[in-house]
Amino acid sequence: MYLQVILNQMAVLFLLMAAGFIIGKAKLLTVEGNKLFSKFIIYVALPCTILSSVVENEADITAFDTVYFLLMTLLTFAIAFAIALPVVYLLGKKKTDRGLLSFMSVFSNCGFMGFPITIAVLGVSSAFYVALFNIPFTILLFSVGIVMISGKREKFDLKRFINPTLVAAFIAIPIALADISFPYVIRETLKITGATTAPIAMIVVGSALAYVPLKSVFSDWRILPVTFLKLIAVPFITWLILRQIITNELMLGVLVVISAMPTGAMSPMLAIEYGGNEHLASIGIFLTTLLCGVTVPMLVYFLLL
């Protein structure tokens, strides 16, 4: 029964992604249109999802839980780095390519896909934990991640770290801990607006995939071991280690599901800006996004149920 529920939820999300793919192929949603929808998700929908999860009292989280989860998030990244770096070192001679492949194995799409899929599988109470995960994720992405892609140290820029999701997470922490009550109008507005995150995010992901040439997907053999690392090896070993430490099933579920998400959507954009292999990043997103529709239900069923 549980597997059927998971498959149904994933099927809904991937039908939305398929609709986005068709819309993109038909040029009804252009690259510029994707950017506009992406801004709406980042600046409006995701923050509302996060805030809604706490004002609706869906996340019963203490100060200890918050700090503990952030520490477990850092441990999750440490596990991913420990798995990916030695394996990826064997996959390429170019330092920048090795860095990008490692980046693609470690950094998940924990925003656009992490929120809707985690909520679909684990419930809306998981949204706050996903928001907390995004705090160290963003810091590591724009520091260590940039060094991995460029192969050199970049000047620290605080503005890169500030985004609405991060701000919403920091606002949500005291609200959750103080158990502040909000009027119905505010709660319902946040709930309705936040509910647009999943459908719009999946449509945007599908539309973006429509612009990746299918014939290029298997043009670089290195993408196959990276896909295996990202979708199976990293989440499985993460589960294997964290289950010995974490007793909170929701915490464990969030960390495992996010670890199983496809390659982060930022990888090609950062590759463009910092001299990485944009083509390799794009096909990595395409392949891991498509295959996670199979791997995520399997991992959830066998590891978390």
Protein backbone atom coordinates (compact mmCIF):
# COMPACT_ATOMS: atom_id res chain seq x y z
CA MET A 1 0.00 0.00 0.00
CA TYR A 2 2.81 2.40 0.93
CA LEU A 3 4.63 1.72 -2.34
CA GLN A 4 1.43 2.42 -4.26
CA VAL A 5 1.02 5.76 -2.48
CA ILE A 6 4.62 6.73 -3.28
CA LEU A 7 4.30 5.66 -6.91
CA ASN A 8 1.05 7.60 -7.26
CA GLN A 9 2.62 10.76 -5.82
CA MET A 10 5.70 10.42 -8.03
CA ALA A 11 3.51 9.68 -11.05
CA VAL A 12 1.59 12.92 -10.51
CA LEU A 13 4.80 14.93 -10.30
CA PHE A 14 6.32 13.31 -13.36
CA LEU A 15 3.13 13.74 -15.38
CA LEU A 16 3.46 17.43 -14.57
CA MET A 17 7.08 17.27 -15.73
CA ALA A 18 5.96 15.48 -18.91
CA ALA A 19 3.40 18.23 -19.50
CA GLY A 20 6.18 20.79 -19.09
CA PHE A 21 8.33 18.84 -21.56
CA ILE A 22 5.52 18.88 -24.15
CA ILE A 23 4.87 22.57 -23.53
CA GLY A 24 8.58 23.30 -23.96
CA LYS A 25 8.83 21.25 -27.17
CA ALA A 26 5.80 23.12 -28.53
CA LYS A 27 7.57 26.42 -27.66
CA LEU A 28 4.58 27.47 -25.58
CA LEU A 29 6.95 27.97 -22.66
CA THR A 30 10.24 29.49 -23.77
CA VAL A 31 13.57 29.71 -21.98
CA GLU A 32 12.64 33.25 -20.93
CA GLY A 33 9.29 31.99 -19.68
CA ASN A 34 11.08 29.36 -17.59
CA LYS A 35 13.20 32.09 -16.03
CA LEU A 36 10.10 34.08 -15.06
CA PHE A 37 8.39 31.05 -13.52
CA SER A 38 11.65 30.16 -11.76
CA LYS A 39 11.73 33.61 -10.19
CA PHE A 40 8.14 33.19 -9.00
CA ILE A 41 9.02 29.87 -7.36
CA ILE A 42 12.19 31.17 -5.72
CA TYR A 43 10.86 34.55 -4.63
CA VAL A 44 7.25 33.68 -3.78
CA ALA A 45 6.10 30.04 -3.82
CA LEU A 46 8.98 28.32 -1.97
CA PRO A 47 9.11 30.89 0.85
CA CYS A 48 5.33 30.51 1.27
CA THR A 49 5.69 26.71 1.42
CA ILE A 50 8.29 27.01 4.16
CA LEU A 51 6.33 29.53 6.21
CA SER A 52 3.09 27.61 5.73
CA SER A 53 4.72 24.46 7.15
CA VAL A 54 5.32 26.23 10.47
CA VAL A 55 2.29 28.52 10.79
CA GLU A 56 0.04 25.51 10.15
CA ASN A 57 1.90 23.74 12.99
CA GLU A 58 2.77 20.86 10.68
CA ALA A 59 6.36 20.79 11.93
CA ASP A 60 6.68 20.14 15.65
CA ILE A 61 10.35 21.09 15.94
CA THR A 62 12.35 22.06 19.01
CA ALA A 63 15.55 24.11 19.18
CA PHE A 64 17.48 20.87 19.73
CA ASP A 65 15.88 19.33 16.62
CA THR A 66 16.86 22.37 14.55
CA VAL A 67 20.52 22.35 15.60
CA TYR A 68 20.73 18.56 15.40
CA PHE A 69 19.27 18.49 11.89
CA LEU A 70 21.71 21.15 10.67
CA LEU A 71 24.60 19.07 12.03
CA MET A 72 23.20 15.97 10.32
CA THR A 73 22.95 17.96 7.09
CA LEU A 74 26.67 18.75 7.29
CA LEU A 75 27.36 15.06 7.95
CA THR A 76 25.26 14.18 4.89
CA PHE A 77 27.46 16.43 2.74
CA ALA A 78 30.61 14.95 4.28
CA ILE A 79 29.40 11.45 3.36
CA ALA A 80 28.61 12.53 -0.22
CA PHE A 81 32.03 14.16 -0.65
CA ALA A 82 33.79 11.12 0.79
CA ILE A 83 32.02 8.85 -1.72
CA ALA A 84 32.19 11.08 -4.81
CA LEU A 85 35.68 12.59 -4.74
CA PRO A 86 37.79 9.38 -4.95
CA VAL A 87 35.50 7.80 -7.57
CA VAL A 88 35.24 10.87 -9.78
CA TYR A 89 39.03 11.34 -9.64
CA LEU A 90 39.29 8.32 -11.95
CA LEU A 91 36.82 9.69 -14.50
CA GLY A 92 38.69 12.56 -16.10
CA LYS A 93 42.09 14.11 -16.66
CA LYS A 94 40.91 17.74 -16.62
CA LYS A 95 40.78 19.18 -13.12
CA THR A 96 37.71 21.30 -13.94
CA ASP A 97 35.82 18.29 -15.34
CA ARG A 98 36.62 16.23 -12.25
CA GLY A 99 35.42 19.10 -10.10
CA LEU A 100 32.17 19.42 -12.06
CA LEU A 101 31.52 15.67 -11.94
CA SER A 102 32.08 15.72 -8.18
CA PHE A 103 29.77 18.73 -7.89
CA MET A 104 27.07 16.88 -9.84
CA SER A 105 27.43 13.85 -7.54
CA VAL A 106 27.15 15.86 -4.32
CA PHE A 107 24.80 18.80 -4.90
CA SER A 108 21.16 17.81 -5.37
CA ASN A 109 18.21 19.64 -6.84
CA CYS A 110 16.91 20.23 -3.32
CA GLY A 111 14.86 23.26 -4.31
CA PHE A 112 12.76 22.73 -7.43
CA MET A 113 12.51 18.96 -6.98
CA GLY A 114 13.49 18.49 -3.36
CA PHE A 115 10.52 20.40 -1.99
CA PRO A 116 7.71 18.89 -4.11
CA ILE A 117 9.01 15.32 -4.00
CA THR A 118 9.87 15.33 -0.30
CA ILE A 119 6.47 16.82 0.56
CA ALA A 120 4.74 14.30 -1.72
CA VAL A 121 6.54 11.35 -0.11
CA LEU A 122 6.87 12.47 3.53
CA GLY A 123 4.14 15.08 3.95
CA VAL A 124 4.08 18.86 4.35
CA SER A 125 5.76 18.64 7.77
CA SER A 126 8.99 17.84 5.91
CA ALA A 127 9.04 21.29 4.23
CA PHE A 128 10.65 22.97 7.22
CA TYR A 129 13.45 20.40 7.33
CA VAL A 130 14.04 20.85 3.59
CA ALA A 131 14.25 24.61 4.22
CA LEU A 132 16.83 24.05 6.96
CA PHE A 133 18.79 21.79 4.61
CA ASN A 134 18.98 24.69 2.15
CA ILE A 135 20.94 26.86 4.61
CA PRO A 136 24.21 24.85 4.62
CA PHE A 137 23.47 23.75 1.04
CA THR A 138 23.50 27.36 -0.20
CA ILE A 139 26.64 28.22 1.75
CA LEU A 140 28.52 25.18 0.42
CA LEU A 141 27.16 25.63 -3.11
CA PHE A 142 28.50 29.16 -3.48
CA SER A 143 31.83 28.48 -1.79
CA VAL A 144 33.10 24.92 -2.12
CA GLY A 145 30.89 24.30 -5.17
CA ILE A 146 32.33 27.22 -7.13
CA VAL A 147 35.89 26.11 -6.30
CA MET A 148 35.05 22.59 -7.54
CA ILE A 149 33.71 23.87 -10.87
CA SER A 150 36.31 26.57 -11.55
CA GLY A 151 39.31 24.78 -10.09
CA LYS A 152 40.36 27.93 -8.24
CA ARG A 153 39.33 30.04 -5.30
CA GLU A 154 36.81 32.78 -5.96
CA LYS A 155 36.34 36.03 -4.06
CA PHE A 156 33.76 35.73 -1.30
CA ASP A 157 30.52 37.56 -2.12
CA LEU A 158 27.90 37.68 0.64
CA LYS A 159 25.15 38.64 -1.83
CA ARG A 160 25.38 35.20 -3.44
CA PHE A 161 24.27 33.58 -0.20
CA ILE A 162 21.14 35.68 0.27
CA ASN A 163 17.99 34.33 -1.34
CA PRO A 164 14.29 34.31 -0.36
CA THR A 165 14.29 30.61 0.54
CA LEU A 166 17.12 31.19 2.99
CA VAL A 167 15.40 34.26 4.46
CA ALA A 168 12.13 32.33 4.85
CA ALA A 169 13.97 29.52 6.62
CA PHE A 170 15.53 31.93 9.12
CA ILE A 171 12.14 33.58 9.71
CA ALA A 172 10.46 30.19 10.11
CA ILE A 173 12.86 29.02 12.85
CA PRO A 174 11.69 31.44 15.59
CA ILE A 175 8.06 31.04 14.49
CA ALA A 176 8.33 27.27 14.90
CA LEU A 177 10.18 27.42 18.20
CA ALA A 178 7.86 30.02 19.74
CA ASP A 179 4.73 28.31 18.35
CA ILE A 180 3.33 31.67 17.20
CA SER A 181 -0.32 31.64 16.11
CA PHE A 182 -1.35 33.45 12.91
CA PRO A 183 -4.80 34.57 11.69
CA TYR A 184 -6.67 32.29 9.28
CA VAL A 185 -6.28 34.75 6.37
CA ILE A 186 -2.48 34.70 6.60
CA ARG A 187 -2.31 30.92 7.07
CA GLU A 188 -4.62 30.26 4.13
CA THR A 189 -2.80 32.73 1.86
CA LEU A 190 0.54 31.10 2.60
CA LYS A 191 -0.95 27.63 2.15
CA ILE A 192 -2.60 28.36 -1.21
CA THR A 193 0.43 30.19 -2.60
CA GLY A 194 2.82 27.52 -1.35
CA ALA A 195 0.68 24.84 -2.97
CA THR A 196 1.71 26.20 -6.39
CA THR A 197 5.33 25.19 -5.77
CA ALA A 198 5.06 21.54 -6.83
CA PRO A 199 3.07 21.90 -10.08
CA ILE A 200 4.93 24.95 -11.37
CA ALA A 201 8.35 23.60 -10.36
CA MET A 202 7.82 20.28 -12.14
CA ILE A 203 6.45 21.98 -15.26
CA VAL A 204 9.50 24.26 -15.34
CA VAL A 205 11.86 21.28 -14.93
CA GLY A 206 10.10 19.44 -17.76
CA SER A 207 10.17 22.48 -20.01
CA ALA A 208 13.88 23.00 -19.34
CA LEU A 209 14.59 19.38 -20.29
CA ALA A 210 12.85 19.97 -23.62
CA TYR A 211 15.74 22.21 -24.63
CA VAL A 212 18.42 19.54 -24.03
CA PRO A 213 19.19 17.63 -27.29
CA LEU A 214 18.31 13.96 -26.71
CA LYS A 215 21.12 12.73 -28.96
CA SER A 216 23.67 14.32 -26.63
CA VAL A 217 22.56 12.50 -23.49
CA PHE A 218 24.97 9.56 -23.87
CA SER A 219 27.69 11.47 -25.70
CA ASP A 220 29.97 11.37 -22.64
CA TRP A 221 30.36 7.97 -20.92
CA ARG A 222 31.34 9.61 -17.62
CA ILE A 223 27.76 10.67 -17.02
CA LEU A 224 26.73 7.05 -16.37
CA PRO A 225 28.89 6.40 -13.27
CA VAL A 226 28.03 9.89 -11.99
CA THR A 227 24.32 9.10 -12.40
CA PHE A 228 24.79 5.87 -10.44
CA LEU A 229 26.66 7.75 -7.71
CA LYS A 230 24.07 10.51 -7.48
CA LEU A 231 20.88 8.44 -7.55
CA ILE A 232 21.88 5.17 -5.85
CA ALA A 233 25.30 4.99 -4.16
CA VAL A 234 25.23 8.32 -2.29
CA PRO A 235 21.67 8.02 -0.89
CA PHE A 236 22.12 4.34 0.01
CA ILE A 237 25.38 4.87 1.91
CA THR A 238 23.92 8.02 3.49
CA TRP A 239 20.99 5.94 4.78
CA LEU A 240 23.33 3.17 5.92
CA ILE A 241 25.33 5.59 8.10
CA LEU A 242 22.62 7.97 9.30
CA ARG A 243 20.23 5.23 10.41
CA GLN A 244 22.80 4.35 13.09
CA ILE A 245 22.65 7.91 14.44
CA ILE A 246 19.21 9.42 13.74
CA THR A 247 16.16 8.04 15.53
CA ASN A 248 13.73 10.65 14.16
CA GLU A 249 12.20 8.96 11.10
CA LEU A 250 11.16 12.24 9.45
CA MET A 251 14.68 13.68 9.74
CA LEU A 252 16.21 10.52 8.33
CA GLY A 253 13.65 10.41 5.53
CA VAL A 254 14.26 14.01 4.49
CA LEU A 255 18.05 13.58 4.35
CA VAL A 256 17.83 10.33 2.37
CA VAL A 257 15.21 11.63 -0.09
CA ILE A 258 17.14 14.86 -0.72
CA SER A 259 20.34 12.85 -1.21
CA ALA A 260 18.46 10.86 -3.87
CA MET A 261 17.40 13.94 -5.83
CA PRO A 262 18.88 14.54 -9.30
CA THR A 263 21.80 16.84 -10.02
CA GLY A 264 21.25 20.44 -8.96
CA ALA A 265 19.77 22.82 -11.51
CA MET A 266 22.50 25.39 -10.75
CA SER A 267 25.30 23.25 -12.23
CA PRO A 268 25.11 24.47 -15.87
CA MET A 269 24.66 28.10 -14.80
CA LEU A 270 27.69 27.93 -12.52
CA ALA A 271 29.61 26.08 -15.23
CA ILE A 272 28.92 28.94 -17.66
CA GLU A 273 29.97 31.59 -15.15
CA TYR A 274 33.10 29.85 -13.89
CA GLY A 275 34.46 28.15 -17.00
CA GLY A 276 33.12 24.63 -16.47
CA ASN A 277 31.73 22.11 -18.96
CA GLU A 278 28.16 23.39 -19.47
CA HIS A 279 27.26 20.57 -21.89
CA LEU A 280 28.28 17.88 -19.40
CA ALA A 281 26.27 19.61 -16.65
CA SER A 282 23.15 19.83 -18.84
CA ILE A 283 23.09 16.16 -19.82
CA GLY A 284 23.72 15.24 -16.18
CA ILE A 285 20.59 17.12 -15.14
CA PHE A 286 18.58 15.54 -17.95
CA LEU A 287 19.54 11.94 -17.21
CA THR A 288 19.40 12.09 -13.41
CA THR A 289 16.06 13.93 -13.47
CA LEU A 290 14.47 11.33 -15.72
CA LEU A 291 15.84 8.31 -13.85
CA CYS A 292 15.00 9.58 -10.36
CA GLY A 293 11.37 8.77 -11.16
CA VAL A 294 12.41 5.12 -10.87
CA THR A 295 15.16 5.30 -8.25
CA VAL A 296 13.40 7.49 -5.63
CA PRO A 297 10.36 5.20 -5.15
CA MET A 298 12.68 2.18 -4.94
CA LEU A 299 14.92 3.80 -2.34
CA VAL A 300 12.00 5.08 -0.27
CA TYR A 301 10.26 1.70 -0.31
CA PHE A 302 13.31 -0.42 0.52
CA LEU A 303 15.10 1.97 2.89
CA LEU A 304 12.45 4.05 4.66
CA LEU A 305 9.30 1.91 4.89
